[in-house]
Structure formats: structure tokens, C-alpha cells
């Protein structure tokens, strides 16, 4: 089975990827490069995590980097800021779905843990998942942060995930925790989200490690 993993430089998604690698023949890592809302250190941390994970898992790996900063910039120019995190996750799933279609992948891995941050409330995850029609696998959904950190330390990704980098500056001061689909769709209609996603995937960089 081929899977798509939305892999960041944080603690959670590397753990989710590792756990589900046991069920996969191949995992395609997709990293959303958020610059200028993140920095080069964040990108370099992702590369280090990818190199380490590739050694830890037994399945084949492909790695792509997608320009996500452009989508965030265009949304923030016209959309209501409190929905930025929900919009962000919906764009990640759009990228992942397009890669899944190209690579014949069956599902998408995300590192969400229920209620951990604003975009991971049950209501927001429901709105986020509406954007695609293939399964989203969240193996960490019921784990506490301490449980996730323990696994990250065991597989050697924790120290890489906590290396200094710029936290995403697109995150609003008061992100929505109970988004309604109709509100998010209204904001997304202000920009051509499908064209943005297609262009980002078309221009994605294949990384060789």
C-alpha cells in the first residue's frame, strides 16, 4: 500500500509517519514549505528528520517539497484571519490528494492529536476533511503530548524536531476552534484555491537524500 505523509519538522507528524510505515510499501513525504512565514532552519530541520526517518522505516520513501507560503500569503490578503489554520490544513490536504492521484496512493497520514491545537478540534477536523474524498489516517488522535514525545524519543526524531526554527507567523492571535464549513468556503472563494494547489504540486521539488 502506498501512503502520502504530510510531514512537518514538528514532533507529531514524524511519529505518525513512523507508526504507519509498518503498513506501507511506500510512503511519499510531502512537506509544505511555509516561507516567508517560516524560515530556512525549519526547512533544514525537515530535511534532517526525513533523512533519519528514511533510515528508521522499512518501506520505500519519496520526498517532495511544496511551496505553501504563496497560498498562505494570498489567503491572508483577503480571508478572515481566524480561519487561517483551517485554510492551511485544507490546502495541505489538497496538495496531498493531488499527489495521491499521481502516485496511486490510498490514504493520507497526518499527525493530529485531538484538541492539541486550534486546527485539531473535532469540529475543525471535520471541516478540514471535507476538502478531499480519500481517507485521512491520524494514528496519534487519542494520544497525549507526553505519549507522542516518548515515541519520538524512542525513534530518534525528538531532538531533531525541537531544533530552533521560526514558529509559523501566519498563525492568528485568536484562531477559530469551531469553524463552519460554509464560512470557510466563503473565504476560500475569494482566491482560486484549486489553481494554487495545482501550481504548487506542479512546481513541487523532488528531494533526493
N, C-alpha and C. Protein backbone atom coordinates (compact mmCIF):
# COMPACT_ATOMS: atom_id res chain seq x y z
N UNK A 1 0.85 -1.19 0.00
CA UNK A 1 0.00 0.00 0.00
C UNK A 1 0.89 1.24 0.00
N UNK A 2 0.54 2.20 -0.83
CA UNK A 2 1.27 3.46 -0.91
C UNK A 2 0.49 4.54 -0.16
N UNK A 3 1.19 5.31 0.69
CA UNK A 3 0.57 6.34 1.50
C UNK A 3 1.27 7.68 1.28
N UNK A 4 0.52 8.76 1.48
CA UNK A 4 1.06 10.11 1.48
C UNK A 4 1.17 10.58 2.92
N UNK A 5 2.34 11.11 3.30
CA UNK A 5 2.50 11.66 4.64
C UNK A 5 2.74 13.15 4.56
N UNK A 6 1.90 13.94 5.24
CA UNK A 6 2.12 15.37 5.36
C UNK A 6 3.10 15.58 6.51
N UNK A 7 4.36 15.72 6.15
CA UNK A 7 5.45 15.68 7.14
C UNK A 7 6.01 17.07 7.39
N UNK A 8 5.91 17.50 8.63
CA UNK A 8 6.48 18.80 9.02
C UNK A 8 7.78 18.56 9.76
N UNK A 9 8.33 19.63 10.33
CA UNK A 9 9.54 19.48 11.15
C UNK A 9 9.18 19.38 12.63
N UNK A 10 7.90 19.27 12.94
CA UNK A 10 7.46 19.20 14.33
C UNK A 10 7.62 17.81 14.92
N UNK A 11 7.08 17.65 16.10
CA UNK A 11 7.22 16.38 16.84
C UNK A 11 6.24 15.33 16.33
N UNK A 12 5.02 15.72 16.00
CA UNK A 12 3.93 14.77 15.81
C UNK A 12 3.97 14.00 14.49
N UNK A 13 4.09 14.71 13.37
CA UNK A 13 3.95 14.03 12.08
C UNK A 13 5.05 12.99 11.82
N UNK A 14 6.31 13.19 12.26
CA UNK A 14 7.28 12.11 12.10
C UNK A 14 6.88 10.83 12.86
N UNK A 15 6.30 11.01 14.06
CA UNK A 15 5.84 9.85 14.82
C UNK A 15 4.70 9.14 14.10
N UNK A 16 3.73 9.91 13.60
CA UNK A 16 2.61 9.32 12.86
C UNK A 16 3.11 8.57 11.63
N UNK A 17 4.07 9.15 10.94
CA UNK A 17 4.63 8.52 9.75
C UNK A 17 5.33 7.22 10.10
N UNK A 18 6.11 7.24 11.15
CA UNK A 18 6.81 6.03 11.59
C UNK A 18 5.82 4.91 11.94
N UNK A 19 4.78 5.24 12.69
CA UNK A 19 3.82 4.23 13.11
C UNK A 19 3.12 3.57 11.93
N UNK A 20 2.75 4.35 10.93
CA UNK A 20 2.02 3.79 9.80
C UNK A 20 2.94 3.23 8.72
N UNK A 21 4.24 3.46 8.84
CA UNK A 21 5.17 2.89 7.87
C UNK A 21 5.15 1.36 7.91
N UNK A 22 4.73 0.83 9.04
CA UNK A 22 4.66 -0.63 9.17
C UNK A 22 3.58 -1.23 8.29
N UNK A 23 2.65 -0.41 7.83
CA UNK A 23 1.54 -0.87 7.00
C UNK A 23 1.75 -0.54 5.52
N UNK A 24 2.85 0.09 5.19
CA UNK A 24 3.01 0.64 3.83
C UNK A 24 4.15 -0.03 3.07
N UNK A 25 4.00 -0.08 1.76
CA UNK A 25 5.09 -0.48 0.88
C UNK A 25 5.93 0.73 0.50
N UNK A 26 5.27 1.88 0.43
CA UNK A 26 5.96 3.12 0.11
C UNK A 26 5.22 4.27 0.78
N UNK A 27 5.99 5.24 1.29
CA UNK A 27 5.42 6.47 1.83
C UNK A 27 6.02 7.65 1.08
N UNK A 28 5.16 8.56 0.66
CA UNK A 28 5.60 9.76 -0.03
C UNK A 28 5.49 10.92 0.95
N UNK A 29 6.64 11.45 1.36
CA UNK A 29 6.66 12.59 2.27
C UNK A 29 6.35 13.86 1.48
N UNK A 30 5.37 14.62 1.94
CA UNK A 30 5.06 15.92 1.37
C UNK A 30 5.30 16.98 2.44
N UNK A 31 6.21 17.90 2.17
CA UNK A 31 6.49 18.97 3.12
C UNK A 31 6.00 20.29 2.54
N UNK A 32 5.20 21.00 3.31
CA UNK A 32 4.69 22.31 2.90
C UNK A 32 5.65 23.37 3.41
N UNK A 33 6.41 23.94 2.50
CA UNK A 33 7.39 24.97 2.85
C UNK A 33 6.65 26.31 3.02
N UNK A 34 6.55 26.77 4.25
CA UNK A 34 5.75 27.94 4.55
C UNK A 34 6.47 29.27 4.43
N UNK A 35 7.71 29.26 3.99
CA UNK A 35 8.42 30.54 3.87
C UNK A 35 7.66 31.52 2.98
N UNK A 36 7.53 32.79 3.34
CA UNK A 36 8.25 33.54 4.37
C UNK A 36 7.63 33.50 5.78
N UNK A 37 6.62 32.68 5.98
CA UNK A 37 6.00 32.58 7.30
C UNK A 37 6.74 31.59 8.21
N UNK A 38 7.72 30.90 7.64
CA UNK A 38 8.67 30.09 8.41
C UNK A 38 10.06 30.49 7.93
N UNK A 39 11.08 29.72 8.29
CA UNK A 39 12.43 30.12 7.88
C UNK A 39 13.22 28.92 7.36
N UNK A 40 14.46 29.20 6.96
CA UNK A 40 15.30 28.15 6.38
C UNK A 40 15.66 27.08 7.41
N UNK A 41 15.72 27.48 8.67
CA UNK A 41 16.01 26.50 9.72
C UNK A 41 14.91 25.44 9.78
N UNK A 42 13.66 25.87 9.63
CA UNK A 42 12.55 24.91 9.64
C UNK A 42 12.69 23.93 8.49
N UNK A 43 13.03 24.44 7.30
CA UNK A 43 13.23 23.57 6.14
C UNK A 43 14.39 22.60 6.39
N UNK A 44 15.48 23.08 6.92
CA UNK A 44 16.63 22.22 7.18
C UNK A 44 16.31 21.16 8.23
N UNK A 45 15.50 21.53 9.22
CA UNK A 45 15.08 20.55 10.22
C UNK A 45 14.25 19.44 9.58
N UNK A 46 13.37 19.82 8.65
CA UNK A 46 12.59 18.81 7.93
C UNK A 46 13.50 17.85 7.17
N UNK A 47 14.52 18.38 6.51
CA UNK A 47 15.45 17.52 5.77
C UNK A 47 16.15 16.54 6.71
N UNK A 48 16.57 17.03 7.87
CA UNK A 48 17.23 16.16 8.84
C UNK A 48 16.30 15.06 9.34
N UNK A 49 15.05 15.42 9.61
CA UNK A 49 14.06 14.44 10.06
C UNK A 49 13.81 13.40 8.97
N UNK A 50 13.69 13.86 7.73
CA UNK A 50 13.44 12.94 6.61
C UNK A 50 14.58 11.94 6.46
N UNK A 51 15.81 12.43 6.55
CA UNK A 51 16.97 11.54 6.45
C UNK A 51 16.94 10.48 7.55
N UNK A 52 16.62 10.93 8.76
CA UNK A 52 16.58 9.99 9.88
C UNK A 52 15.44 8.99 9.73
N UNK A 53 14.26 9.48 9.39
CA UNK A 53 13.11 8.58 9.23
C UNK A 53 13.35 7.55 8.15
N UNK A 54 13.98 7.97 7.06
CA UNK A 54 14.25 7.06 5.94
C UNK A 54 15.07 5.87 6.40
N UNK A 55 15.95 6.10 7.37
CA UNK A 55 16.77 5.00 7.91
C UNK A 55 16.00 4.13 8.90
N UNK A 56 14.97 4.71 9.52
CA UNK A 56 14.24 4.01 10.56
C UNK A 56 13.12 3.11 10.03
N UNK A 57 12.59 3.44 8.86
CA UNK A 57 11.44 2.69 8.36
C UNK A 57 11.86 1.74 7.24
N UNK A 58 11.10 0.70 7.06
CA UNK A 58 11.47 -0.36 6.13
C UNK A 58 10.90 -0.18 4.73
N UNK A 59 9.92 0.69 4.57
CA UNK A 59 9.31 0.85 3.25
C UNK A 59 10.08 1.86 2.40
N UNK A 60 9.75 1.90 1.12
CA UNK A 60 10.36 2.87 0.22
C UNK A 60 9.87 4.28 0.55
N UNK A 61 10.66 5.27 0.20
CA UNK A 61 10.34 6.67 0.52
C UNK A 61 10.60 7.55 -0.69
N UNK A 62 9.67 8.48 -0.95
CA UNK A 62 9.88 9.60 -1.87
C UNK A 62 9.62 10.87 -1.09
N UNK A 63 10.29 11.95 -1.48
CA UNK A 63 10.16 13.20 -0.72
C UNK A 63 9.94 14.36 -1.68
N UNK A 64 8.87 15.11 -1.44
CA UNK A 64 8.57 16.30 -2.23
C UNK A 64 8.40 17.50 -1.30
N UNK A 65 8.83 18.67 -1.77
CA UNK A 65 8.60 19.92 -1.05
C UNK A 65 7.72 20.81 -1.90
N UNK A 66 6.65 21.31 -1.29
CA UNK A 66 5.66 22.15 -1.98
C UNK A 66 5.75 23.57 -1.44
N UNK A 67 5.67 24.55 -2.32
CA UNK A 67 5.62 25.95 -1.91
C UNK A 67 4.24 26.25 -1.32
N UNK A 68 4.20 26.38 -0.01
CA UNK A 68 2.93 26.65 0.69
C UNK A 68 2.81 28.11 1.11
N UNK A 69 3.94 28.80 1.19
CA UNK A 69 3.93 30.20 1.62
C UNK A 69 3.08 31.08 0.72
N UNK A 70 3.08 30.76 -0.58
CA UNK A 70 2.30 31.55 -1.53
C UNK A 70 0.80 31.46 -1.23
N UNK A 71 0.32 30.25 -0.92
CA UNK A 71 -1.10 30.08 -0.60
C UNK A 71 -1.46 30.83 0.68
N UNK A 72 -0.61 30.75 1.69
CA UNK A 72 -0.87 31.47 2.94
C UNK A 72 -0.91 32.98 2.71
N UNK A 73 0.01 33.47 1.90
CA UNK A 73 0.06 34.90 1.63
C UNK A 73 -1.23 35.36 0.93
N UNK A 74 -1.66 34.61 -0.09
CA UNK A 74 -2.85 35.01 -0.84
C UNK A 74 -4.09 34.95 0.04
N UNK A 75 -4.18 33.94 0.91
CA UNK A 75 -5.35 33.87 1.80
C UNK A 75 -5.36 35.04 2.77
N UNK A 76 -4.22 35.35 3.34
CA UNK A 76 -4.16 36.41 4.35
C UNK A 76 -4.41 37.79 3.77
N UNK A 77 -4.28 37.92 2.46
CA UNK A 77 -4.57 39.19 1.80
C UNK A 77 -6.07 39.47 1.74
N UNK A 78 -6.89 38.39 1.74
CA UNK A 78 -8.32 38.59 1.53
C UNK A 78 -9.22 37.87 2.52
N UNK A 79 -8.71 36.82 3.17
CA UNK A 79 -9.55 36.00 4.03
C UNK A 79 -9.55 36.45 5.48
N UNK A 80 -10.55 36.01 6.22
CA UNK A 80 -10.64 36.30 7.65
C UNK A 80 -9.54 35.53 8.37
N UNK A 81 -8.74 36.26 9.14
CA UNK A 81 -7.52 35.68 9.72
C UNK A 81 -7.80 34.50 10.64
N UNK A 82 -8.92 34.51 11.35
CA UNK A 82 -9.14 33.46 12.34
C UNK A 82 -9.29 32.07 11.71
N UNK A 83 -9.57 32.01 10.41
CA UNK A 83 -9.68 30.72 9.74
C UNK A 83 -8.37 30.28 9.07
N UNK A 84 -7.29 31.01 9.31
CA UNK A 84 -6.04 30.72 8.61
C UNK A 84 -5.57 29.28 8.83
N UNK A 85 -5.63 28.79 10.06
CA UNK A 85 -5.11 27.45 10.35
C UNK A 85 -5.96 26.37 9.68
N UNK A 86 -7.27 26.58 9.64
CA UNK A 86 -8.15 25.64 8.96
C UNK A 86 -7.89 25.67 7.45
N UNK A 87 -7.76 26.88 6.91
CA UNK A 87 -7.42 27.01 5.50
C UNK A 87 -6.09 26.31 5.21
N UNK A 88 -5.11 26.51 6.06
CA UNK A 88 -3.80 25.90 5.88
C UNK A 88 -3.91 24.38 5.78
N UNK A 89 -4.61 23.77 6.72
CA UNK A 89 -4.74 22.31 6.71
C UNK A 89 -5.53 21.84 5.49
N UNK A 90 -6.53 22.58 5.07
CA UNK A 90 -7.29 22.20 3.88
C UNK A 90 -6.40 22.26 2.63
N UNK A 91 -5.51 23.25 2.57
CA UNK A 91 -4.59 23.31 1.45
C UNK A 91 -3.62 22.13 1.48
N UNK A 92 -3.15 21.76 2.66
CA UNK A 92 -2.25 20.60 2.76
C UNK A 92 -2.93 19.35 2.22
N UNK A 93 -4.20 19.18 2.55
CA UNK A 93 -4.92 18.02 2.04
C UNK A 93 -5.14 18.10 0.54
N UNK A 94 -5.33 19.30 0.02
CA UNK A 94 -5.44 19.46 -1.44
C UNK A 94 -4.15 19.01 -2.13
N UNK A 95 -3.01 19.46 -1.61
CA UNK A 95 -1.74 19.01 -2.18
C UNK A 95 -1.63 17.49 -2.10
N UNK A 96 -1.92 16.96 -0.92
CA UNK A 96 -1.76 15.53 -0.70
C UNK A 96 -2.65 14.71 -1.63
N UNK A 97 -3.88 15.18 -1.85
CA UNK A 97 -4.80 14.46 -2.72
C UNK A 97 -4.28 14.45 -4.16
N UNK A 98 -3.72 15.55 -4.60
CA UNK A 98 -3.19 15.60 -5.97
C UNK A 98 -1.99 14.66 -6.11
N UNK A 99 -1.16 14.60 -5.10
CA UNK A 99 -0.06 13.64 -5.13
C UNK A 99 -0.58 12.21 -5.06
N UNK A 100 -1.62 11.99 -4.27
CA UNK A 100 -2.20 10.65 -4.17
C UNK A 100 -2.73 10.19 -5.52
N UNK A 101 -3.35 11.09 -6.26
CA UNK A 101 -3.86 10.75 -7.59
C UNK A 101 -2.71 10.40 -8.53
N UNK A 102 -1.63 11.18 -8.47
CA UNK A 102 -0.48 10.95 -9.35
C UNK A 102 0.26 9.66 -9.01
N UNK A 103 0.36 9.37 -7.72
CA UNK A 103 1.19 8.25 -7.25
C UNK A 103 0.37 7.00 -6.91
N UNK A 104 -0.94 7.08 -7.12
CA UNK A 104 -1.83 5.95 -6.80
C UNK A 104 -1.73 5.57 -5.31
N UNK A 105 -1.72 6.58 -4.46
CA UNK A 105 -1.70 6.35 -3.01
C UNK A 105 -3.13 6.22 -2.49
N UNK A 106 -3.29 5.48 -1.42
CA UNK A 106 -4.62 5.13 -0.93
C UNK A 106 -5.12 5.97 0.24
N UNK A 107 -4.22 6.66 0.93
CA UNK A 107 -4.64 7.43 2.10
C UNK A 107 -3.55 8.44 2.45
N UNK A 108 -3.90 9.35 3.36
CA UNK A 108 -3.02 10.44 3.76
C UNK A 108 -2.78 10.36 5.26
N UNK A 109 -1.53 10.50 5.66
CA UNK A 109 -1.15 10.47 7.08
C UNK A 109 -1.02 11.90 7.59
N UNK A 110 -1.64 12.16 8.75
CA UNK A 110 -1.46 13.43 9.44
C UNK A 110 -1.13 13.16 10.91
N UNK A 111 -0.44 14.11 11.54
CA UNK A 111 0.00 13.92 12.92
C UNK A 111 -0.92 14.54 13.95
N UNK A 112 -2.18 14.75 13.62
CA UNK A 112 -3.11 15.40 14.53
C UNK A 112 -3.37 14.58 15.79
N UNK A 113 -3.47 15.30 16.91
CA UNK A 113 -3.90 14.72 18.19
C UNK A 113 -5.08 15.55 18.67
N UNK A 114 -6.17 14.92 19.00
CA UNK A 114 -7.43 15.61 19.25
C UNK A 114 -7.29 16.72 20.30
N UNK A 115 -7.62 17.94 19.87
CA UNK A 115 -7.65 19.07 20.79
C UNK A 115 -6.32 19.69 21.13
N UNK A 116 -5.23 19.21 20.50
CA UNK A 116 -3.90 19.69 20.89
C UNK A 116 -3.69 21.16 20.50
N UNK A 117 -4.11 21.54 19.31
CA UNK A 117 -4.06 22.93 18.87
C UNK A 117 -5.39 23.28 18.21
N UNK A 118 -5.54 24.55 17.83
CA UNK A 118 -6.84 25.04 17.35
C UNK A 118 -7.36 24.27 16.14
N UNK A 119 -6.48 23.91 15.21
CA UNK A 119 -6.94 23.22 14.00
C UNK A 119 -7.29 21.77 14.25
N UNK A 120 -7.05 21.28 15.48
CA UNK A 120 -7.27 19.87 15.77
C UNK A 120 -8.44 19.63 16.71
N UNK A 121 -9.35 20.59 16.81
CA UNK A 121 -10.61 20.32 17.49
C UNK A 121 -11.45 19.42 16.58
N UNK A 122 -12.39 18.73 17.16
CA UNK A 122 -13.20 17.81 16.36
C UNK A 122 -13.96 18.56 15.27
N UNK A 123 -14.51 19.71 15.60
CA UNK A 123 -15.26 20.50 14.61
C UNK A 123 -14.36 20.95 13.47
N UNK A 124 -13.18 21.43 13.79
CA UNK A 124 -12.27 21.89 12.74
C UNK A 124 -11.76 20.75 11.87
N UNK A 125 -11.48 19.60 12.48
CA UNK A 125 -11.03 18.46 11.67
C UNK A 125 -12.13 18.00 10.71
N UNK A 126 -13.36 18.09 11.15
CA UNK A 126 -14.48 17.74 10.26
C UNK A 126 -14.52 18.66 9.05
N UNK A 127 -14.34 19.96 9.28
CA UNK A 127 -14.32 20.93 8.18
C UNK A 127 -13.11 20.70 7.28
N UNK A 128 -11.98 20.42 7.88
CA UNK A 128 -10.75 20.20 7.11
C UNK A 128 -10.89 18.97 6.20
N UNK A 129 -11.44 17.90 6.74
CA UNK A 129 -11.53 16.65 5.97
C UNK A 129 -12.53 16.73 4.82
N UNK A 130 -13.43 17.69 4.85
CA UNK A 130 -14.45 17.83 3.79
C UNK A 130 -13.83 18.12 2.43
N UNK A 131 -12.57 18.54 2.42
CA UNK A 131 -11.96 19.02 1.18
C UNK A 131 -11.52 17.88 0.25
N UNK A 132 -11.41 16.66 0.77
CA UNK A 132 -10.97 15.53 -0.07
C UNK A 132 -11.88 14.33 0.14
N UNK A 133 -11.68 13.33 -0.72
CA UNK A 133 -12.57 12.16 -0.68
C UNK A 133 -11.81 10.85 -0.48
N UNK A 134 -10.58 10.92 0.06
CA UNK A 134 -9.87 9.69 0.42
C UNK A 134 -9.58 9.72 1.92
N UNK A 135 -9.29 8.57 2.51
CA UNK A 135 -9.11 8.52 3.97
C UNK A 135 -7.93 9.35 4.47
N UNK A 136 -8.14 9.99 5.61
CA UNK A 136 -7.07 10.66 6.35
C UNK A 136 -6.80 9.84 7.59
N UNK A 137 -5.57 9.35 7.73
CA UNK A 137 -5.19 8.49 8.84
C UNK A 137 -4.49 9.32 9.91
N UNK A 138 -4.97 9.24 11.14
CA UNK A 138 -4.41 10.01 12.25
C UNK A 138 -4.08 9.06 13.41
N UNK A 139 -2.94 8.40 13.35
CA UNK A 139 -2.64 7.39 14.38
C UNK A 139 -2.41 7.96 15.77
N UNK A 140 -2.22 9.27 15.89
CA UNK A 140 -1.96 9.89 17.19
C UNK A 140 -3.21 10.49 17.82
N UNK A 141 -4.36 10.29 17.22
CA UNK A 141 -5.55 11.06 17.56
C UNK A 141 -5.90 11.04 19.05
N UNK A 142 -5.69 9.91 19.72
CA UNK A 142 -6.07 9.82 21.12
C UNK A 142 -4.91 9.90 22.09
N UNK A 143 -3.71 10.21 21.59
CA UNK A 143 -2.53 10.23 22.46
C UNK A 143 -2.33 11.61 23.08
N UNK A 144 -1.82 11.62 24.31
CA UNK A 144 -1.40 12.86 24.95
C UNK A 144 -0.03 13.25 24.41
N UNK A 145 0.32 14.53 24.58
CA UNK A 145 1.62 15.01 24.08
C UNK A 145 2.77 14.21 24.69
N UNK A 146 2.65 13.85 25.96
CA UNK A 146 3.71 13.10 26.61
C UNK A 146 3.92 11.74 25.95
N UNK A 147 2.82 11.11 25.52
CA UNK A 147 2.93 9.82 24.83
C UNK A 147 3.65 9.97 23.50
N UNK A 148 3.31 11.05 22.79
CA UNK A 148 3.92 11.29 21.47
C UNK A 148 5.40 11.59 21.62
N UNK A 149 5.75 12.38 22.62
CA UNK A 149 7.16 12.71 22.86
C UNK A 149 7.95 11.45 23.20
N UNK A 150 7.35 10.58 23.99
CA UNK A 150 8.04 9.33 24.35
C UNK A 150 8.39 8.52 23.11
N UNK A 151 7.42 8.39 22.19
CA UNK A 151 7.68 7.64 20.97
C UNK A 151 8.73 8.36 20.12
N UNK A 152 8.62 9.68 20.04
CA UNK A 152 9.59 10.46 19.25
C UNK A 152 11.01 10.26 19.78
N UNK A 153 11.15 10.21 21.08
CA UNK A 153 12.48 9.97 21.66
C UNK A 153 12.96 8.56 21.34
N UNK A 154 12.05 7.61 21.37
CA UNK A 154 12.42 6.22 21.10
C UNK A 154 12.90 6.02 19.66
N UNK A 155 12.31 6.76 18.72
CA UNK A 155 12.68 6.57 17.31
C UNK A 155 13.73 7.60 16.86
N UNK A 156 14.13 8.49 17.76
CA UNK A 156 15.23 9.40 17.48
C UNK A 156 14.88 10.66 16.72
N UNK A 157 13.60 11.00 16.64
CA UNK A 157 13.22 12.23 15.92
C UNK A 157 13.02 13.42 16.85
N UNK A 158 12.88 13.18 18.14
CA UNK A 158 12.54 14.26 19.06
C UNK A 158 13.57 15.38 19.05
N UNK A 159 14.84 15.03 19.19
CA UNK A 159 15.89 16.04 19.25
C UNK A 159 15.97 16.85 17.96
N UNK A 160 15.63 16.23 16.84
CA UNK A 160 15.63 16.95 15.57
C UNK A 160 14.42 17.88 15.47
N UNK A 161 13.30 17.46 16.05
CA UNK A 161 12.07 18.26 15.97
C UNK A 161 12.09 19.49 16.85
N UNK A 162 12.94 19.50 17.87
CA UNK A 162 12.98 20.65 18.78
C UNK A 162 14.15 21.58 18.49
N UNK A 163 14.85 21.35 17.38
CA UNK A 163 15.91 22.28 17.00
C UNK A 163 15.30 23.66 16.73
N UNK A 164 16.01 24.73 17.02
CA UNK A 164 15.45 26.09 16.86
C UNK A 164 15.01 26.38 15.43
N UNK A 165 13.86 26.98 15.29
CA UNK A 165 13.37 27.48 14.00
C UNK A 165 12.25 28.47 14.28
N UNK A 166 11.86 29.20 13.26
CA UNK A 166 10.80 30.21 13.41
C UNK A 166 9.44 29.53 13.44
N UNK A 167 8.68 29.79 14.51
CA UNK A 167 7.29 29.32 14.54
C UNK A 167 6.50 30.03 13.44
N UNK A 168 5.51 29.34 12.90
CA UNK A 168 4.74 29.90 11.78
C UNK A 168 4.13 31.25 12.17
N UNK A 169 4.48 32.28 11.43
CA UNK A 169 4.00 33.62 11.74
C UNK A 169 2.63 33.91 11.11
N UNK A 170 2.10 32.95 10.36
CA UNK A 170 0.76 33.13 9.78
C UNK A 170 -0.34 32.78 10.79
N UNK A 171 0.01 32.12 11.88
CA UNK A 171 -0.99 31.72 12.88
C UNK A 171 -1.61 32.97 13.51
N UNK A 172 -2.93 33.09 13.48
CA UNK A 172 -3.58 34.29 14.05
C UNK A 172 -3.54 34.28 15.57
N UNK A 173 -3.77 35.45 16.17
CA UNK A 173 -3.78 35.55 17.63
C UNK A 173 -4.93 34.77 18.24
N UNK A 174 -6.07 34.75 17.55
CA UNK A 174 -7.24 34.03 18.05
C UNK A 174 -7.80 33.12 16.95
N UNK A 175 -7.17 31.96 16.73
CA UNK A 175 -7.65 31.06 15.67
C UNK A 175 -9.00 30.46 16.01
N UNK A 176 -9.81 30.25 14.98
CA UNK A 176 -11.13 29.65 15.17
C UNK A 176 -10.99 28.20 15.64
N UNK A 177 -11.81 27.82 16.61
CA UNK A 177 -11.80 26.44 17.10
C UNK A 177 -13.08 25.69 16.72
N UNK A 178 -14.10 26.43 16.26
CA UNK A 178 -15.36 25.80 15.88
C UNK A 178 -15.81 26.35 14.53
N UNK A 179 -14.99 26.09 13.51
CA UNK A 179 -15.29 26.61 12.17
C UNK A 179 -16.53 25.96 11.59
N UNK A 180 -17.23 26.72 10.76
CA UNK A 180 -18.34 26.18 9.99
C UNK A 180 -17.91 26.09 8.53
N UNK A 181 -18.28 24.99 7.89
CA UNK A 181 -17.83 24.76 6.52
C UNK A 181 -18.24 25.90 5.60
N UNK A 182 -19.48 26.38 5.75
CA UNK A 182 -19.95 27.43 4.85
C UNK A 182 -19.13 28.72 4.99
N UNK A 183 -18.66 29.01 6.20
CA UNK A 183 -17.84 30.20 6.41
C UNK A 183 -16.46 30.05 5.76
N UNK A 184 -15.87 28.88 5.91
CA UNK A 184 -14.56 28.63 5.32
C UNK A 184 -14.65 28.63 3.79
N UNK A 185 -15.70 28.02 3.25
CA UNK A 185 -15.89 28.01 1.79
C UNK A 185 -16.05 29.43 1.26
N UNK A 186 -16.75 30.27 2.00
CA UNK A 186 -16.94 31.66 1.58
C UNK A 186 -15.59 32.38 1.50
N UNK A 187 -14.74 32.16 2.48
CA UNK A 187 -13.42 32.81 2.48
C UNK A 187 -12.53 32.24 1.37
N UNK A 188 -12.59 30.93 1.18
CA UNK A 188 -11.76 30.31 0.14
C UNK A 188 -12.18 30.74 -1.26
N UNK A 189 -13.45 31.09 -1.43
CA UNK A 189 -13.94 31.51 -2.74
C UNK A 189 -13.34 32.83 -3.20
N UNK A 190 -12.69 33.53 -2.29
CA UNK A 190 -12.07 34.81 -2.64
C UNK A 190 -10.77 34.63 -3.42
N UNK A 191 -10.21 33.41 -3.36
CA UNK A 191 -8.99 33.11 -4.12
C UNK A 191 -9.22 31.78 -4.85
N UNK A 192 -8.42 31.54 -5.88
CA UNK A 192 -8.58 30.33 -6.69
C UNK A 192 -7.77 29.20 -6.06
N UNK A 193 -8.36 28.54 -5.05
CA UNK A 193 -7.61 27.56 -4.27
C UNK A 193 -7.17 26.36 -5.11
N UNK A 194 -8.00 25.94 -6.05
CA UNK A 194 -7.62 24.77 -6.85
C UNK A 194 -6.45 25.10 -7.76
N UNK A 195 -6.46 26.29 -8.36
CA UNK A 195 -5.34 26.69 -9.22
C UNK A 195 -4.06 26.80 -8.40
N UNK A 196 -4.17 27.36 -7.21
CA UNK A 196 -3.00 27.50 -6.34
C UNK A 196 -2.43 26.12 -5.99
N UNK A 197 -3.33 25.18 -5.65
CA UNK A 197 -2.88 23.83 -5.30
C UNK A 197 -2.24 23.13 -6.50
N UNK A 198 -2.86 23.26 -7.66
CA UNK A 198 -2.31 22.63 -8.87
C UNK A 198 -0.92 23.16 -9.18
N UNK A 199 -0.76 24.48 -9.08
CA UNK A 199 0.53 25.09 -9.38
C UNK A 199 1.59 24.63 -8.38
N UNK A 200 1.22 24.58 -7.10
CA UNK A 200 2.17 24.18 -6.07
C UNK A 200 2.64 22.75 -6.29
N UNK A 201 1.73 21.86 -6.65
CA UNK A 201 2.09 20.46 -6.89
C UNK A 201 2.91 20.33 -8.17
N UNK A 202 2.53 21.07 -9.19
CA UNK A 202 3.26 21.04 -10.46
C UNK A 202 4.71 21.48 -10.27
N UNK A 203 4.90 22.48 -9.41
CA UNK A 203 6.24 23.04 -9.19
C UNK A 203 6.97 22.38 -8.01
N UNK A 204 6.39 21.36 -7.42
CA UNK A 204 7.00 20.72 -6.25
C UNK A 204 8.37 20.16 -6.59
N UNK A 205 9.25 20.26 -5.60
CA UNK A 205 10.63 19.80 -5.78
C UNK A 205 10.79 18.39 -5.23
N UNK A 206 11.30 17.49 -6.07
CA UNK A 206 11.62 16.14 -5.63
C UNK A 206 12.99 16.17 -4.94
N UNK A 207 13.03 15.75 -3.70
CA UNK A 207 14.26 15.79 -2.91
C UNK A 207 14.93 14.43 -2.91
N UNK A 208 16.20 14.42 -3.20
CA UNK A 208 16.99 13.18 -3.17
C UNK A 208 17.90 13.19 -1.95
N UNK A 209 17.72 12.21 -1.08
CA UNK A 209 18.54 12.15 0.14
C UNK A 209 19.49 10.96 0.09
